[in-house]
Protein backbone atom coordinates (compact mmCIF):
# COMPACT_ATOMS: atom_id res chain seq x y z
CA MET A 1 110.59 -206.04 -50.13
CA ARG A 2 112.19 -204.53 -53.23
CA ASP A 3 109.49 -206.07 -55.42
CA LEU A 4 106.80 -204.52 -53.22
CA PHE A 5 108.53 -201.15 -53.42
CA LEU A 6 108.75 -201.30 -57.23
CA HIS A 7 105.18 -202.53 -57.54
CA ASN A 8 103.89 -199.69 -55.39
CA PHE A 9 106.04 -197.17 -57.26
CA MET A 10 104.46 -198.25 -60.53
CA GLN A 11 100.96 -197.89 -59.07
CA TYR A 12 100.98 -194.63 -57.07
CA ASP A 13 104.33 -193.26 -56.04
CA TRP A 14 105.44 -192.27 -59.55
CA VAL A 15 103.01 -189.33 -59.33
CA ILE A 16 104.91 -188.02 -56.32
CA LEU A 17 108.22 -188.45 -58.15
CA VAL A 18 106.88 -186.59 -61.20
CA LEU A 19 105.78 -183.74 -58.93
CA CYS A 20 109.25 -183.78 -57.38
CA VAL A 21 110.87 -183.35 -60.82
CA ILE A 22 108.45 -180.54 -61.71
CA THR A 23 109.15 -178.84 -58.39
CA ILE A 24 112.91 -179.04 -59.02
CA LEU A 25 112.41 -177.45 -62.46
CA ILE A 26 110.32 -174.66 -60.92
CA LEU A 27 113.00 -174.18 -58.25
CA CYS A 28 115.70 -173.88 -60.94
CA LEU A 29 113.65 -171.28 -62.83
CA LEU A 30 113.01 -169.42 -59.58
CA GLY A 31 116.69 -169.49 -58.61
CA GLY A 32 117.74 -168.12 -62.01
CA ASN A 33 115.15 -165.39 -61.76
CA ILE A 34 116.23 -164.47 -58.22
CA ARG A 35 119.85 -164.11 -59.38
CA LYS A 36 118.88 -162.01 -62.44
CA LEU A 37 116.72 -159.67 -60.39
CA LYS A 38 119.31 -159.34 -57.64
CA SER A 39 121.99 -158.51 -60.18
CA MET A 40 119.77 -155.99 -61.98
CA LEU A 41 118.97 -154.21 -58.70
CA LYS A 42 122.61 -153.65 -57.77
CA LEU A 43 123.89 -150.12 -57.98
CA ASP A 44 127.31 -149.71 -59.57
CA ILE A 45 129.04 -147.31 -57.21
CA SER A 46 132.51 -146.39 -58.31
CA ALA A 47 135.18 -144.85 -56.12
CA ASN A 48 134.90 -141.60 -58.13
CA GLU A 49 131.24 -141.03 -57.21
CA THR A 50 130.80 -138.80 -54.20
CA ASN A 51 127.06 -138.27 -54.54
CA PRO A 52 124.88 -141.39 -54.19
CA HIS A 53 121.96 -139.52 -55.79
CA VAL A 54 123.90 -139.35 -59.06
CA VAL A 55 124.37 -143.13 -59.00
CA ILE A 56 120.67 -143.70 -58.32
CA LYS A 57 119.70 -141.25 -61.06
CA LYS A 58 121.95 -143.03 -63.61
CA PHE A 59 120.50 -146.37 -62.54
CA LEU A 60 116.91 -145.19 -62.90
CA LYS A 61 117.38 -143.40 -66.22
CA GLU A 62 118.54 -146.52 -68.08
CA SER A 63 116.02 -147.13 -70.83
CA GLY A 64 113.32 -149.56 -69.77
CA LYS A 65 115.14 -150.76 -66.66
CA ILE A 66 112.20 -150.22 -64.33
CA THR A 67 109.90 -152.17 -66.67
CA ARG A 68 112.39 -155.05 -66.86
CA ILE A 69 112.70 -155.05 -63.06
CA GLU A 70 108.92 -155.16 -62.66
CA ASN A 71 108.65 -158.01 -65.19
CA LEU A 72 111.35 -160.02 -63.41
CA ARG A 73 109.63 -159.41 -60.07
CA ASP A 74 106.34 -160.65 -61.49
CA LYS A 75 108.03 -163.78 -62.87
CA GLU A 76 109.76 -164.38 -59.55
CA ASN A 77 106.44 -164.11 -57.71
CA LEU A 78 104.81 -166.54 -60.15
CA TYR A 79 107.58 -169.13 -59.80
CA TYR A 80 107.63 -168.75 -56.03
CA SER A 81 103.86 -169.20 -55.84
CA LEU A 82 104.09 -172.36 -57.98
CA PHE A 83 106.93 -173.65 -55.79
CA VAL A 84 105.07 -173.08 -52.52
CA ASN A 85 101.89 -174.67 -53.87
CA ALA A 86 103.80 -177.71 -55.15
CA ILE A 87 105.22 -178.19 -51.65
CA ALA A 88 101.70 -178.23 -50.24
CA ILE A 89 100.62 -180.91 -52.73
CA PHE A 90 103.19 -183.54 -51.65
CA PRO A 91 101.47 -184.56 -48.40
CA LEU A 92 98.12 -184.56 -50.18
CA LEU A 93 99.42 -186.97 -52.82
CA GLY A 94 100.85 -189.15 -50.05
CA MET A 95 97.48 -189.24 -48.33
CA LEU A 96 95.75 -189.97 -51.63
CA GLY A 97 98.00 -192.99 -52.20
CA THR A 98 97.31 -194.09 -48.64
CA VAL A 99 93.55 -193.83 -49.05
CA ILE A 100 93.61 -195.70 -52.38
CA SER A 101 95.69 -198.50 -50.84
CA LEU A 102 93.46 -198.71 -47.78
CA LEU A 103 90.32 -198.77 -49.93
CA LYS A 104 91.75 -201.75 -51.80
CA LEU A 105 92.49 -203.32 -48.43
CA ALA A 106 88.96 -202.67 -47.17
CA SER A 107 87.37 -204.04 -50.33
CA GLY A 108 88.91 -207.42 -49.67
CA GLY A 109 92.08 -207.08 -51.72
CA ASP A 110 94.09 -210.24 -52.13
CA ASN A 111 97.38 -209.12 -50.72
CA LEU A 112 97.06 -207.50 -47.31
CA VAL A 113 100.80 -206.79 -46.92
CA GLU A 114 101.12 -205.27 -50.39
CA ASN A 115 98.21 -202.86 -49.89
CA PHE A 116 99.34 -201.86 -46.40
CA TYR A 117 102.92 -201.32 -47.66
CA GLY A 118 101.52 -199.21 -50.50
CA ALA A 119 99.70 -197.04 -48.01
CA LEU A 120 102.85 -196.48 -45.99
CA THR A 121 105.20 -195.74 -48.90
CA SER A 122 102.85 -193.18 -50.42
CA THR A 123 102.65 -191.35 -47.13
CA LEU A 124 106.40 -191.62 -46.64
CA TRP A 125 107.33 -190.14 -50.04
CA GLY A 126 104.78 -187.36 -49.74
CA LEU A 127 106.12 -186.34 -46.35
CA VAL A 128 109.81 -186.74 -47.26
CA PHE A 129 109.57 -184.48 -50.30
CA ALA A 130 107.39 -181.96 -48.45
CA VAL A 131 109.96 -181.69 -45.65
CA ILE A 132 112.92 -181.40 -48.06
CA PHE A 133 111.31 -178.71 -50.18
CA LYS A 134 110.00 -176.86 -47.13
CA ALA A 135 113.58 -176.67 -45.85
CA VAL A 136 114.67 -175.28 -49.23
CA ASP A 137 111.79 -172.81 -49.03
CA ALA A 138 113.26 -171.34 -45.84
CA PHE A 139 116.25 -170.10 -47.86
CA VAL A 140 114.36 -169.20 -51.02
CA SER A 141 111.67 -167.18 -49.25
CA ALA A 142 114.32 -164.97 -47.63
CA GLN A 143 115.82 -164.19 -51.03
CA VAL A 144 112.43 -163.51 -52.59
CA GLU A 145 111.56 -161.17 -49.72
CA ALA A 146 114.89 -159.34 -50.01
CA ASN A 147 114.34 -158.87 -53.75
CA GLU A 148 110.81 -157.60 -53.12
CA LYS A 149 112.12 -154.98 -50.67
CA ALA A 150 114.86 -153.93 -53.11
CA VAL A 151 112.36 -153.61 -55.97
CA SER A 152 110.07 -151.50 -53.78
CA LEU A 153 113.00 -149.25 -52.88
CA ARG A 154 114.06 -148.80 -56.51
CA LEU A 155 110.48 -148.07 -57.60
CA GLN A 156 110.12 -145.54 -54.80
CA GLN A 157 113.40 -143.91 -55.85
CA PHE A 158 112.19 -143.85 -59.45
CA LEU A 159 108.90 -142.17 -58.51
CA GLU A 160 110.67 -139.61 -56.34
CA SER A 161 113.12 -138.90 -59.16
CA GLU A 162 110.25 -138.44 -61.63
CA GLN A 163 108.43 -136.08 -59.24
CA LYS A 164 111.57 -133.99 -58.69
CA GLU A 165 112.14 -133.81 -62.45
CA LYS A 166 108.53 -132.64 -63.07
CA LEU A 167 108.84 -130.06 -60.28
CA ARG A 168 112.13 -128.79 -61.75
CA ILE A 169 110.56 -128.46 -65.22
CA ARG A 170 107.51 -126.69 -63.80
CA LYS A 171 109.67 -124.20 -61.87
CA LYS A 172 111.76 -123.59 -64.98
CA ALA A 173 108.61 -122.97 -67.03
CA GLU A 174 107.20 -120.59 -64.38
CA LYS A 175 110.48 -118.69 -64.26
CA SER A 176 110.48 -118.45 -68.05
CA GLU A 177 106.90 -117.07 -68.00
CA GLU A 178 107.87 -114.49 -65.36
CA LEU A 179 110.80 -113.34 -67.46
CA GLN A 180 108.56 -113.01 -70.53
CA GLU A 181 106.06 -110.93 -68.57
CA VAL A 182 108.77 -108.54 -67.50
CA GLY A 183 109.96 -108.35 -71.10
CA ILE A 184 113.29 -110.04 -70.74
């Protein structure tokens, strides 16, 4: 039994294991990115601040912060897309191993048990890893969605802040023009 398992692993199942390792690496990159973005989106509210608008304004005026947030969001979306697509590939690889083994069986392969066992193990590993990573995806997707909402909120706050600043400057300029017309 062990020999059959190792033999089949060397023929087909190693591809599924390689994809598993790649998926774990993508998940690690995604997790790090989620934590960075979450930490960057936090507002530092001290006990001395009475006006939340001041805190938001300080947050938004940090040099290049909005650009860094957008870049992290884009990276997070890329890693998440890769992760979700890798999950979808596991069952396909399992079915591919199954079909290859069954084709050998149909073509009059020598060892009936070995080919049939190969078909089953490929399917098994594809499904096992798909189920495991899909369960992980349930937690990861919630965090990605929460970050996406927080980024949208911060960008909206930034745009509103910019619009208020432009309006304030325009009113100040109009007032200055009125005073010049009057001769003051």
